[in-house]
Amino acid sequence: MRPRMSQVIDPSLDLFAEIDRLRTQRKALVLAHYYQDPDIQDIADHLGDSLDLAKRARDAKDAEVILFCGVHFMAETAKIVNPKKIVVIPDLDAGCSLADACPADQLRAWKQTHQDHYVVMYINCTAATKAESDIICTSSNAEQIIRSVPAGRPILFGPDKNLGAFLIKKTGRAMDLWPGTCMVHETFSATKIATLKAKHKDAKFIAHPECEDHVLQLADFVGSTSKLLEFVQRDAGTKYIVGTEMGILHTMHKAAPHKELIAVPYEDRTAACQGCNQCPHMKLNTLEKIYLALRDLRPRIEMPEPLRLRALLPLERMLAIS
């Protein structure tokens, strides 16, 4: 069993000051996803969704270290696009249910039975799975990526079947879908959301496309994490039921402090569902672990160069289009 991080750190340390000191000393760039805890979002040099953070990692020229506050596949992506940098992640166990759902060997076997298909993989997958893909997408650019595939070319899409189903409706393209789901977005209850909409008749329900179709059918707007943030900022409304991981509410509150935000699920939670609007993997990252990662420059993200180059190609295709 690993020791608790708090047991190996002097409790009198000012972690914010120490992180800033080490950030400067290490020439580190701190990247954080919107689903991180508020304190982590606030210390980040750049805060964003998967697409924006991949671009930030690729373009990090002056930094010697990239500290990625997110989950493992995101830190892997940073290493793939910027291999000369030291890439560290606060907790190696910060995984992803979608990445776990589609191992590279299983994707390879699927491809063998669909050899004429173009493989589009959601960025929520491992480097090895990316290496088996033709192109990568994020929720921000997925529609654009699907529309870029030549008409008539059959498509394999994974690992998120809900995002895939949403894209089929949006683009009209037939696709074979891998049966993966996000452990957070698949738990949202359409019944509870309908109840919330009835209670808050002046609220708009906004949802991430990783949600199931019966949930998306209730939405006034569907978009990626960054698109949901933009919608709340620009829309004329004043109240929103937010159907995605609740970490984004911190940035939404800062960007639109005069607007009311309601997390899904919002009330009448059972004991088993207390944290079902939070990603347990994202929440493994803490200030203590960030301090240790900067102090020790580990855990580091490493991978064999042949694998990195194979995974880089579909990412570069995505970035060229995006």
C-alpha atoms as a PDB file:
ATOM      1  CA  MET A   1       0.000   0.000   0.000  1.00  0.00           C
ATOM      2  CA  ARG A   2       1.360   3.425  -0.888  1.00  0.00           C
ATOM      3  CA  PRO A   3       1.941   5.899   1.964  1.00  0.00           C
ATOM      4  CA  ARG A   4      -0.496   8.754   2.154  1.00  0.00           C
ATOM      5  CA  MET A   5       1.061  11.882   0.676  1.00  0.00           C
ATOM      6  CA  SER A   6       0.253  13.938   3.762  1.00  0.00           C
ATOM      7  CA  GLN A   7       2.426  11.579   5.842  1.00  0.00           C
ATOM      8  CA  VAL A   8       5.602  12.408   3.944  1.00  0.00           C
ATOM      9  CA  ILE A   9       5.221  16.198   3.782  1.00  0.00           C
ATOM     10  CA  ASP A  10       5.942  18.708   6.527  1.00  0.00           C
ATOM     11  CA  PRO A  11       2.442  19.919   7.494  1.00  0.00           C
ATOM     12  CA  SER A  12       3.785  23.412   8.160  1.00  0.00           C
ATOM     13  CA  LEU A  13       4.727  23.913   4.509  1.00  0.00           C
ATOM     14  CA  ASP A  14       2.841  26.546   2.539  1.00  0.00           C
ATOM     15  CA  LEU A  15       2.065  24.316  -0.431  1.00  0.00           C
ATOM     16  CA  PHE A  16       1.013  27.186  -2.686  1.00  0.00           C
ATOM     17  CA  ALA A  17       4.297  29.009  -2.059  1.00  0.00           C
ATOM     18  CA  GLU A  18       6.341  25.812  -2.433  1.00  0.00           C
ATOM     19  CA  ILE A  19       4.646  24.901  -5.694  1.00  0.00           C
ATOM     20  CA  ASP A  20       5.364  28.383  -7.042  1.00  0.00           C
ATOM     21  CA  ARG A  21       8.991  28.155  -5.919  1.00  0.00           C
ATOM     22  CA  LEU A  22       9.476  24.750  -7.523  1.00  0.00           C
ATOM     23  CA  ARG A  23       7.616  25.781 -10.659  1.00  0.00           C
ATOM     24  CA  THR A  24      10.158  28.564 -11.156  1.00  0.00           C
ATOM     25  CA  GLN A  25      13.138  26.434 -10.159  1.00  0.00           C
ATOM     26  CA  ARG A  26      12.168  23.579 -12.466  1.00  0.00           C
ATOM     27  CA  LYS A  27      11.057  25.859 -15.310  1.00  0.00           C
ATOM     28  CA  ALA A  28       7.793  23.950 -15.174  1.00  0.00           C
ATOM     29  CA  LEU A  29       4.571  24.530 -17.054  1.00  0.00           C
ATOM     30  CA  VAL A  30       1.521  23.510 -15.018  1.00  0.00           C
ATOM     31  CA  LEU A  31      -1.408  22.335 -17.135  1.00  0.00           C
ATOM     32  CA  ALA A  32      -4.744  21.467 -15.551  1.00  0.00           C
ATOM     33  CA  HIS A  33      -8.051  20.124 -16.805  1.00  0.00           C
ATOM     34  CA  TYR A  34     -11.353  21.760 -15.888  1.00  0.00           C
ATOM     35  CA  TYR A  35     -12.287  18.678 -13.843  1.00  0.00           C
ATOM     36  CA  GLN A  36      -9.537  19.230 -11.267  1.00  0.00           C
ATOM     37  CA  ASP A  37     -10.278  20.546  -7.786  1.00  0.00           C
ATOM     38  CA  PRO A  38     -10.614  24.353  -7.564  1.00  0.00           C
ATOM     39  CA  ASP A  39      -7.243  24.901  -5.843  1.00  0.00           C
ATOM     40  CA  ILE A  40      -5.484  23.012  -8.646  1.00  0.00           C
ATOM     41  CA  GLN A  41      -7.350  24.959 -11.315  1.00  0.00           C
ATOM     42  CA  ASP A  42      -6.264  28.191  -9.649  1.00  0.00           C
ATOM     43  CA  ILE A  43      -2.542  27.370  -9.597  1.00  0.00           C
ATOM     44  CA  ALA A  44      -2.409  26.233 -13.233  1.00  0.00           C
ATOM     45  CA  ASP A  45      -0.504  28.180 -15.860  1.00  0.00           C
ATOM     46  CA  HIS A  46      -3.098  27.007 -18.357  1.00  0.00           C
ATOM     47  CA  LEU A  47      -6.536  25.549 -17.726  1.00  0.00           C
ATOM     48  CA  GLY A  48      -8.437  23.837 -20.503  1.00  0.00           C
ATOM     49  CA  ASP A  49     -10.060  20.818 -22.085  1.00  0.00           C
ATOM     50  CA  SER A  50      -8.229  17.945 -23.774  1.00  0.00           C
ATOM     51  CA  LEU A  51      -7.796  19.696 -27.132  1.00  0.00           C
ATOM     52  CA  ASP A  52      -6.515  22.969 -25.711  1.00  0.00           C
ATOM     53  CA  LEU A  53      -4.172  21.230 -23.284  1.00  0.00           C
ATOM     54  CA  ALA A  54      -2.726  19.038 -26.051  1.00  0.00           C
ATOM     55  CA  LYS A  55      -1.943  22.190 -28.014  1.00  0.00           C
ATOM     56  CA  ARG A  56      -0.455  23.874 -24.943  1.00  0.00           C
ATOM     57  CA  ALA A  57       1.782  20.864 -24.331  1.00  0.00           C
ATOM     58  CA  ARG A  58       2.889  20.744 -27.969  1.00  0.00           C
ATOM     59  CA  ASP A  59       3.732  24.452 -27.978  1.00  0.00           C
ATOM     60  CA  ALA A  60       5.570  24.503 -24.616  1.00  0.00           C
ATOM     61  CA  LYS A  61       8.931  25.688 -25.930  1.00  0.00           C
ATOM     62  CA  ASP A  62      10.444  27.505 -22.938  1.00  0.00           C
ATOM     63  CA  ALA A  63       9.480  25.015 -20.226  1.00  0.00           C
ATOM     64  CA  GLU A  64      11.762  22.147 -19.256  1.00  0.00           C
ATOM     65  CA  VAL A  65       9.047  20.311 -17.324  1.00  0.00           C
ATOM     66  CA  ILE A  66       5.353  19.820 -18.021  1.00  0.00           C
ATOM     67  CA  LEU A  67       3.315  19.010 -14.930  1.00  0.00           C
ATOM     68  CA  PHE A  68      -0.017  17.641 -16.121  1.00  0.00           C
ATOM     69  CA  CYS A  69      -2.865  17.845 -13.626  1.00  0.00           C
ATOM     70  CA  GLY A  70      -5.377  15.567 -15.250  1.00  0.00           C
ATOM     71  CA  VAL A  71      -5.483  11.857 -15.960  1.00  0.00           C
ATOM     72  CA  HIS A  72      -2.890   9.484 -17.366  1.00  0.00           C
ATOM     73  CA  PHE A  73      -3.881   9.555 -21.035  1.00  0.00           C
ATOM     74  CA  MET A  74      -3.646  13.363 -21.010  1.00  0.00           C
ATOM     75  CA  ALA A  75      -0.101  13.309 -19.639  1.00  0.00           C
ATOM     76  CA  GLU A  76       0.783  10.622 -22.194  1.00  0.00           C
ATOM     77  CA  THR A  77      -0.517  12.894 -24.936  1.00  0.00           C
ATOM     78  CA  ALA A  78       1.741  15.694 -23.676  1.00  0.00           C
ATOM     79  CA  LYS A  79       4.753  13.372 -23.900  1.00  0.00           C
ATOM     80  CA  ILE A  80       3.763  12.187 -27.366  1.00  0.00           C
ATOM     81  CA  VAL A  81       3.561  15.714 -28.792  1.00  0.00           C
ATOM     82  CA  ASN A  82       6.562  17.122 -26.880  1.00  0.00           C
ATOM     83  CA  PRO A  83       8.980  14.252 -26.185  1.00  0.00           C
ATOM     84  CA  LYS A  84      11.995  16.353 -25.179  1.00  0.00           C
ATOM     85  CA  LYS A  85      10.233  17.691 -22.101  1.00  0.00           C
ATOM     86  CA  ILE A  86      10.084  15.952 -18.747  1.00  0.00           C
ATOM     87  CA  VAL A  87       6.382  15.167 -18.268  1.00  0.00           C
ATOM     88  CA  VAL A  88       5.184  14.397 -14.754  1.00  0.00           C
ATOM     89  CA  ILE A  89       1.749  13.612 -13.368  1.00  0.00           C
ATOM     90  CA  PRO A  90       0.816  13.942  -9.685  1.00  0.00           C
ATOM     91  CA  ASP A  91      -0.653  10.429  -9.458  1.00  0.00           C
ATOM     92  CA  LEU A  92       0.009   7.597 -11.923  1.00  0.00           C
ATOM     93  CA  ASP A  93      -3.214   5.923 -10.806  1.00  0.00           C
ATOM     94  CA  ALA A  94      -5.295   8.792 -12.238  1.00  0.00           C
ATOM     95  CA  GLY A  95      -6.818   6.734 -15.029  1.00  0.00           C
ATOM     96  CA  CYS A  96      -9.953   6.882 -17.165  1.00  0.00           C
ATOM     97  CA  SER A  97     -12.824   4.436 -17.592  1.00  0.00           C
ATOM     98  CA  LEU A  98     -12.869   5.145 -21.339  1.00  0.00           C
ATOM     99  CA  ALA A  99      -9.144   4.506 -21.733  1.00  0.00           C
ATOM    100  CA  ASP A 100      -9.508   1.287 -19.743  1.00  0.00           C
ATOM    101  CA  ALA A 101     -12.431   0.197 -21.919  1.00  0.00           C
ATOM    102  CA  CYS A 102     -10.452  -0.122 -25.149  1.00  0.00           C
ATOM    103  CA  PRO A 103      -7.043  -1.804 -24.790  1.00  0.00           C
ATOM    104  CA  ALA A 104      -4.827  -1.682 -27.875  1.00  0.00           C
ATOM    105  CA  ASP A 105      -4.901  -5.435 -28.469  1.00  0.00           C
ATOM    106  CA  GLN A 106      -8.703  -5.452 -28.519  1.00  0.00           C
ATOM    107  CA  LEU A 107      -8.816  -2.515 -30.924  1.00  0.00           C
ATOM    108  CA  ARG A 108      -6.289  -4.297 -33.133  1.00  0.00           C
ATOM    109  CA  ALA A 109      -8.526  -7.379 -33.231  1.00  0.00           C
ATOM    110  CA  TRP A 110     -11.577  -5.218 -34.054  1.00  0.00           C
ATOM    111  CA  LYS A 111      -9.674  -3.622 -36.921  1.00  0.00           C
ATOM    112  CA  GLN A 112      -8.848  -7.048 -38.323  1.00  0.00           C
ATOM    113  CA  THR A 113     -12.551  -7.739 -38.800  1.00  0.00           C
ATOM    114  CA  HIS A 114     -13.132  -4.290 -40.371  1.00  0.00           C
ATOM    115  CA  GLN A 115     -10.068  -3.843 -42.548  1.00  0.00           C
ATOM    116  CA  ASP A 116     -11.612  -1.270 -44.897  1.00  0.00           C
ATOM    117  CA  HIS A 117     -12.695   1.021 -42.021  1.00  0.00           C
ATOM    118  CA  TYR A 118     -11.117   4.322 -40.976  1.00  0.00           C
ATOM    119  CA  VAL A 119     -10.376   4.287 -37.240  1.00  0.00           C
ATOM    120  CA  VAL A 120     -11.344   7.441 -35.330  1.00  0.00           C
ATOM    121  CA  MET A 121     -10.483   7.250 -31.654  1.00  0.00           C
ATOM    122  CA  TYR A 122     -11.533   9.679 -28.959  1.00  0.00           C
ATOM    123  CA  ILE A 123      -8.495  11.156 -27.211  1.00  0.00           C
ATOM    124  CA  ASN A 124      -9.586   9.383 -24.011  1.00  0.00           C
ATOM    125  CA  CYS A 125      -7.447   6.345 -24.799  1.00  0.00           C
ATOM    126  CA  THR A 126      -3.930   5.103 -24.114  1.00  0.00           C
ATOM    127  CA  ALA A 127      -0.886   5.817 -26.258  1.00  0.00           C
ATOM    128  CA  ALA A 128      -0.932   2.197 -27.436  1.00  0.00           C
ATOM    129  CA  THR A 129      -4.548   2.545 -28.545  1.00  0.00           C
ATOM    130  CA  LYS A 130      -3.808   5.848 -30.267  1.00  0.00           C
ATOM    131  CA  ALA A 131      -1.049   4.051 -32.146  1.00  0.00           C
ATOM    132  CA  GLU A 132      -3.669   1.704 -33.644  1.00  0.00           C
ATOM    133  CA  SER A 133      -5.806   4.641 -34.863  1.00  0.00           C
ATOM    134  CA  ASP A 134      -5.979   6.602 -38.104  1.00  0.00           C
ATOM    135  CA  ILE A 135      -6.959   9.865 -36.413  1.00  0.00           C
ATOM    136  CA  ILE A 136      -7.780  11.163 -32.938  1.00  0.00           C
ATOM    137  CA  CYS A 137     -10.606  13.497 -31.953  1.00  0.00           C
ATOM    138  CA  THR A 138     -11.739  15.351 -28.861  1.00  0.00           C
ATOM    139  CA  SER A 139     -15.276  16.301 -27.922  1.00  0.00           C
ATOM    140  CA  SER A 140     -14.445  19.829 -29.115  1.00  0.00           C
ATOM    141  CA  ASN A 141     -13.532  18.810 -32.657  1.00  0.00           C
ATOM    142  CA  ALA A 142     -15.188  15.398 -33.078  1.00  0.00           C
ATOM    143  CA  GLU A 143     -17.842  16.569 -35.535  1.00  0.00           C
ATOM    144  CA  GLN A 144     -15.182  18.316 -37.624  1.00  0.00           C
ATOM    145  CA  ILE A 145     -12.995  15.195 -37.609  1.00  0.00           C
ATOM    146  CA  ILE A 146     -15.855  12.896 -38.646  1.00  0.00           C
ATOM    147  CA  ARG A 147     -16.830  15.244 -41.473  1.00  0.00           C
ATOM    148  CA  SER A 148     -13.216  15.180 -42.686  1.00  0.00           C
ATOM    149  CA  VAL A 149     -13.385  11.434 -43.380  1.00  0.00           C
ATOM    150  CA  PRO A 150     -14.076  10.888 -47.110  1.00  0.00           C
ATOM    151  CA  ALA A 151     -17.719  10.146 -47.861  1.00  0.00           C
ATOM    152  CA  GLY A 152     -18.357   6.466 -48.290  1.00  0.00           C
ATOM    153  CA  ARG A 153     -15.414   5.389 -46.128  1.00  0.00           C
ATOM    154  CA  PRO A 154     -16.759   3.257 -43.268  1.00  0.00           C
ATOM    155  CA  ILE A 155     -15.719   4.367 -39.794  1.00  0.00           C
ATOM    156  CA  LEU A 156     -14.843   2.601 -36.565  1.00  0.00           C
ATOM    157  CA  PHE A 157     -15.331   4.973 -33.625  1.00  0.00           C
ATOM    158  CA  GLY A 158     -14.319   4.448 -30.025  1.00  0.00           C
ATOM    159  CA  PRO A 159     -14.081   4.170 -27.161  1.00  0.00           C
ATOM    160  CA  ASP A 160     -17.120   6.300 -26.203  1.00  0.00           C
ATOM    161  CA  LYS A 161     -20.341   4.886 -27.620  1.00  0.00           C
ATOM    162  CA  ASN A 162     -22.386   7.846 -26.365  1.00  0.00           C
ATOM    163  CA  LEU A 163     -20.221  10.432 -28.113  1.00  0.00           C
ATOM    164  CA  GLY A 164     -20.284   8.174 -31.177  1.00  0.00           C
ATOM    165  CA  ALA A 165     -24.088   7.975 -31.165  1.00  0.00           C
ATOM    166  CA  PHE A 166     -24.273  11.754 -30.812  1.00  0.00           C
ATOM    167  CA  LEU A 167     -21.946  12.172 -33.812  1.00  0.00           C
ATOM    168  CA  ILE A 168     -24.000   9.789 -35.932  1.00  0.00           C
ATOM    169  CA  LYS A 169     -27.025  12.020 -35.320  1.00  0.00           C
ATOM    170  CA  LYS A 170     -25.046  15.209 -35.975  1.00  0.00           C
ATOM    171  CA  THR A 171     -23.259  14.112 -39.138  1.00  0.00           C
ATOM    172  CA  GLY A 172     -25.474  11.395 -40.595  1.00  0.00           C
ATOM    173  CA  ARG A 173     -22.417   9.162 -40.949  1.00  0.00           C
ATOM    174  CA  ALA A 174     -22.858   5.483 -40.205  1.00  0.00           C
ATOM    175  CA  MET A 175     -20.239   4.267 -37.730  1.00  0.00           C
ATOM    176  CA  ASP A 176     -19.480   1.088 -35.843  1.00  0.00           C
ATOM    177  CA  LEU A 177     -19.096   2.014 -32.167  1.00  0.00           C
ATOM    178  CA  TRP A 178     -16.876   0.584 -29.462  1.00  0.00           C
ATOM    179  CA  PRO A 179     -18.989  -0.072 -26.312  1.00  0.00           C
ATOM    180  CA  GLY A 180     -17.115   2.179 -23.855  1.00  0.00           C
ATOM    181  CA  THR A 181     -18.614   4.848 -21.589  1.00  0.00           C
ATOM    182  CA  CYS A 182     -17.491   7.539 -19.145  1.00  0.00           C
ATOM    183  CA  MET A 183     -18.139   6.410 -15.590  1.00  0.00           C
ATOM    184  CA  VAL A 184     -19.295   9.925 -14.637  1.00  0.00           C
ATOM    185  CA  HIS A 185     -21.496  10.919 -17.559  1.00  0.00           C
ATOM    186  CA  GLU A 186     -23.278   7.574 -17.816  1.00  0.00           C
ATOM    187  CA  THR A 187     -24.567   7.882 -14.237  1.00  0.00           C
ATOM    188  CA  PHE A 188     -26.672  10.988 -14.840  1.00  0.00           C
ATOM    189  CA  SER A 189     -30.338  10.264 -14.383  1.00  0.00           C
ATOM    190  CA  ALA A 190     -32.790  11.535 -16.995  1.00  0.00           C
ATOM    191  CA  THR A 191     -35.557  11.287 -14.404  1.00  0.00           C
ATOM    192  CA  LYS A 192     -33.684  13.501 -11.940  1.00  0.00           C
ATOM    193  CA  ILE A 193     -32.826  15.964 -14.680  1.00  0.00           C
ATOM    194  CA  ALA A 194     -36.458  16.160 -15.791  1.00  0.00           C
ATOM    195  CA  THR A 195     -37.419  16.794 -12.175  1.00  0.00           C
ATOM    196  CA  LEU A 196     -34.820  19.562 -11.929  1.00  0.00           C
ATOM    197  CA  LYS A 197     -36.051  21.143 -15.159  1.00  0.00           C
ATOM    198  CA  ALA A 198     -39.611  21.117 -13.806  1.00  0.00           C
ATOM    199  CA  LYS A 199     -38.472  22.687 -10.521  1.00  0.00           C
ATOM    200  CA  HIS A 200     -36.247  25.280 -12.192  1.00  0.00           C
ATOM    201  CA  LYS A 201     -38.329  26.256 -15.198  1.00  0.00           C
ATOM    202  CA  ASP A 202     -36.075  29.224 -15.956  1.00  0.00           C
ATOM    203  CA  ALA A 203     -32.946  27.050 -16.126  1.00  0.00           C
ATOM    204  CA  LYS A 204     -31.368  25.661 -19.282  1.00  0.00           C
ATOM    205  CA  PHE A 205     -29.973  22.154 -19.165  1.00  0.00           C
ATOM    206  CA  ILE A 206     -26.535  21.911 -20.815  1.00  0.00           C
ATOM    207  CA  ALA A 207     -24.807  18.568 -21.271  1.00  0.00           C
ATOM    208  CA  HIS A 208     -21.617  16.927 -22.440  1.00  0.00           C
ATOM    209  CA  PRO A 209     -21.986  14.509 -25.393  1.00  0.00           C
ATOM    210  CA  GLU A 210     -20.524  11.687 -23.281  1.00  0.00           C
ATOM    211  CA  CYS A 211     -23.965  11.528 -21.621  1.00  0.00           C
ATOM    212  CA  GLU A 212     -26.450   8.888 -22.739  1.00  0.00           C
ATOM    213  CA  ASP A 213     -28.890   9.759 -25.507  1.00  0.00           C
ATOM    214  CA  HIS A 214     -31.979   9.882 -23.265  1.00  0.00           C
ATOM    215  CA  VAL A 215     -30.169  12.516 -21.184  1.00  0.00           C
ATOM    216  CA  LEU A 216     -29.035  14.500 -24.229  1.00  0.00           C
ATOM    217  CA  GLN A 217     -32.602  14.606 -25.507  1.00  0.00           C
ATOM    218  CA  LEU A 218     -33.470  16.795 -22.510  1.00  0.00           C
ATOM    219  CA  ALA A 219     -30.646  19.252 -23.175  1.00  0.00           C
ATOM    220  CA  ASP A 220     -31.023  22.808 -24.405  1.00  0.00           C
ATOM    221  CA  PHE A 221     -27.380  22.737 -25.486  1.00  0.00           C
ATOM    222  CA  VAL A 222     -24.872  19.911 -25.988  1.00  0.00           C
ATOM    223  CA  GLY A 223     -21.156  20.601 -26.186  1.00  0.00           C
ATOM    224  CA  SER A 224     -17.645  19.791 -25.026  1.00  0.00           C
ATOM    225  CA  THR A 225     -16.401  21.048 -21.681  1.00  0.00           C
ATOM    226  CA  SER A 226     -15.007  24.237 -23.212  1.00  0.00           C
ATOM    227  CA  LYS A 227     -18.156  24.763 -25.292  1.00  0.00           C
ATOM    228  CA  LEU A 228     -20.328  24.451 -22.181  1.00  0.00           C
ATOM    229  CA  LEU A 229     -18.181  27.093 -20.508  1.00  0.00           C
ATOM    230  CA  GLU A 230     -18.497  29.400 -23.516  1.00  0.00           C
ATOM    231  CA  PHE A 231     -22.268  28.869 -23.644  1.00  0.00           C
ATOM    232  CA  VAL A 232     -22.750  29.910 -20.016  1.00  0.00           C
ATOM    233  CA  GLN A 233     -20.625  33.018 -20.591  1.00  0.00           C
ATOM    234  CA  ARG A 234     -22.347  34.137 -23.792  1.00  0.00           C
ATOM    235  CA  ASP A 235     -25.937  32.959 -23.398  1.00  0.00           C
ATOM    236  CA  ALA A 236     -28.578  35.461 -22.319  1.00  0.00           C
ATOM    237  CA  GLY A 237     -29.940  33.136 -19.637  1.00  0.00           C
ATOM    238  CA  THR A 238     -29.133  33.325 -15.927  1.00  0.00           C
ATOM    239  CA  LYS A 239     -29.566  29.756 -14.626  1.00  0.00           C
ATOM    240  CA  TYR A 240     -28.103  26.467 -15.888  1.00  0.00           C
ATOM    241  CA  ILE A 241     -28.319  22.809 -14.940  1.00  0.00           C
ATOM    242  CA  VAL A 242     -24.839  21.539 -15.806  1.00  0.00           C
ATOM    243  CA  GLY A 243     -24.582  17.958 -17.040  1.00  0.00           C
ATOM    244  CA  THR A 244     -20.885  17.231 -16.804  1.00  0.00           C
ATOM    245  CA  GLU A 245     -18.212  16.658 -14.159  1.00  0.00           C
ATOM    246  CA  MET A 246     -18.764  19.243 -11.455  1.00  0.00           C
ATOM    247  CA  GLY A 247     -15.163  20.542 -11.485  1.00  0.00           C
ATOM    248  CA  ILE A 248     -16.116  22.842 -14.369  1.00  0.00           C
ATOM    249  CA  LEU A 249     -18.488  24.762 -12.084  1.00  0.00           C
ATOM    250  CA  HIS A 250     -15.525  26.495 -10.419  1.00  0.00           C
ATOM    251  CA  THR A 251     -14.375  28.061 -13.680  1.00  0.00           C
ATOM    252  CA  MET A 252     -17.962  28.770 -14.746  1.00  0.00           C
ATOM    253  CA  HIS A 253     -18.575  30.657 -11.505  1.00  0.00           C
ATOM    254  CA  LYS A 254     -15.446  32.722 -12.075  1.00  0.00           C
ATOM    255  CA  ALA A 255     -16.300  33.418 -15.711  1.00  0.00           C
ATOM    256  CA  ALA A 256     -19.977  34.250 -15.066  1.00  0.00           C
ATOM    257  CA  PRO A 257     -20.337  35.087 -11.362  1.00  0.00           C
ATOM    258  CA  HIS A 258     -23.834  36.521 -11.781  1.00  0.00           C
ATOM    259  CA  LYS A 259     -25.263  33.255 -13.100  1.00  0.00           C
ATOM    260  CA  GLU A 260     -26.700  30.375 -11.067  1.00  0.00           C
ATOM    261  CA  LEU A 261     -25.277  26.919 -11.712  1.00  0.00           C
ATOM    262  CA  ILE A 262     -26.862  23.647 -10.636  1.00  0.00           C
ATOM    263  CA  ALA A 263     -24.787  20.449 -10.716  1.00  0.00           C
ATOM    264  CA  VAL A 264     -26.330  17.173 -11.895  1.00  0.00           C
ATOM    265  CA  PRO A 265     -27.315  15.268  -9.810  1.00  0.00           C
ATOM    266  CA  TYR A 266     -28.344  18.137  -7.577  1.00  0.00           C
ATOM    267  CA  GLU A 267     -30.541  16.747  -4.842  1.00  0.00           C
ATOM    268  CA  ASP A 268     -32.058  13.583  -3.373  1.00  0.00           C
ATOM    269  CA  ARG A 269     -28.767  11.757  -3.783  1.00  0.00           C
ATOM    270  CA  THR A 270     -28.450   8.289  -2.347  1.00  0.00           C
ATOM    271  CA  ALA A 271     -25.398   7.314  -0.332  1.00  0.00           C
ATOM    272  CA  ALA A 272     -24.107   5.324  -3.303  1.00  0.00           C
ATOM    273  CA  CYS A 273     -24.368   8.357  -5.563  1.00  0.00           C
ATOM    274  CA  GLN A 274     -22.790  11.055  -3.377  1.00  0.00           C
ATOM    275  CA  GLY A 275     -19.868  11.534  -5.740  1.00  0.00           C
ATOM    276  CA  CYS A 276     -21.383  10.433  -9.030  1.00  0.00           C
ATOM    277  CA  ASN A 277     -20.916  13.872 -10.605  1.00  0.00           C
ATOM    278  CA  GLN A 278     -17.190  13.774  -9.818  1.00  0.00           C
ATOM    279  CA  CYS A 279     -14.459  11.811 -11.586  1.00  0.00           C
ATOM    280  CA  PRO A 280     -12.619   9.821  -8.900  1.00  0.00           C
ATOM    281  CA  HIS A 281      -9.550   9.604 -11.124  1.00  0.00           C
ATOM    282  CA  MET A 282      -9.316  13.363 -11.621  1.00  0.00           C
ATOM    283  CA  LYS A 283      -9.727  13.840  -7.883  1.00  0.00           C
ATOM    284  CA  LEU A 284      -6.670  11.674  -7.116  1.00  0.00           C
ATOM    285  CA  ASN A 285      -4.520  14.704  -7.880  1.00  0.00           C
ATOM    286  CA  THR A 286      -3.896  16.919  -4.843  1.00  0.00           C
ATOM    287  CA  LEU A 287      -1.717  19.897  -3.946  1.00  0.00           C
ATOM    288  CA  GLU A 288       0.480  17.565  -1.883  1.00  0.00           C
ATOM    289  CA  LYS A 289       1.075  15.300  -4.864  1.00  0.00           C
ATOM    290  CA  ILE A 290       1.728  18.271  -7.136  1.00  0.00           C
ATOM    291  CA  TYR A 291       4.363  19.524  -4.702  1.00  0.00           C
ATOM    292  CA  LEU A 292       6.033  16.093  -4.595  1.00  0.00           C
ATOM    293  CA  ALA A 293       5.913  15.739  -8.380  1.00  0.00           C
ATOM    294  CA  LEU A 294       7.683  19.064  -8.829  1.00  0.00           C
ATOM    295  CA  ARG A 295      10.149  18.343  -6.033  1.00  0.00           C
ATOM    296  CA  ASP A 296      11.090  14.850  -7.213  1.00  0.00           C
ATOM    297  CA  LEU A 297      10.217  15.109 -10.934  1.00  0.00           C
ATOM    298  CA  ARG A 298       8.240  11.910 -10.719  1.00  0.00           C
ATOM    299  CA  PRO A 299       6.094  10.032 -11.519  1.00  0.00           C
ATOM    300  CA  ARG A 300       7.368  10.579 -15.064  1.00  0.00           C
ATOM    301  CA  ILE A 301       5.604   9.639 -18.264  1.00  0.00           C
ATOM    302  CA  GLU A 302       7.875   7.543 -20.474  1.00  0.00           C
ATOM    303  CA  MET A 303       7.231   5.371 -23.516  1.00  0.00           C
ATOM    304  CA  PRO A 304       9.256   3.596 -26.204  1.00  0.00           C
ATOM    305  CA  GLU A 305      10.077   5.879 -29.121  1.00  0.00           C
ATOM    306  CA  PRO A 306       8.522   3.589 -31.791  1.00  0.00           C
ATOM    307  CA  LEU A 307       5.231   3.637 -29.867  1.00  0.00           C
ATOM    308  CA  ARG A 308       5.386   7.405 -29.427  1.00  0.00           C
ATOM    309  CA  LEU A 309       5.921   7.965 -33.147  1.00  0.00           C
ATOM    310  CA  ARG A 310       3.010   5.697 -34.063  1.00  0.00           C
ATOM    311  CA  ALA A 311       0.736   7.473 -31.571  1.00  0.00           C
ATOM    312  CA  LEU A 312       1.934  10.880 -32.777  1.00  0.00           C
ATOM    313  CA  LEU A 313       0.736  10.415 -36.357  1.00  0.00           C
ATOM    314  CA  PRO A 314      -3.037  10.312 -35.632  1.00  0.00           C
ATOM    315  CA  LEU A 315      -2.630  13.183 -33.161  1.00  0.00           C
ATOM    316  CA  GLU A 316      -0.839  15.283 -35.775  1.00  0.00           C
ATOM    317  CA  ARG A 317      -3.638  14.564 -38.245  1.00  0.00           C
ATOM    318  CA  MET A 318      -6.143  15.832 -35.699  1.00  0.00           C
ATOM    319  CA  LEU A 319      -4.135  18.940 -34.832  1.00  0.00           C
ATOM    320  CA  ALA A 320      -3.672  19.788 -38.521  1.00  0.00           C
ATOM    321  CA  ILE A 321      -7.442  19.773 -39.005  1.00  0.00           C
ATOM    322  CA  SER A 322      -8.179  21.555 -35.710  1.00  0.00           C
END
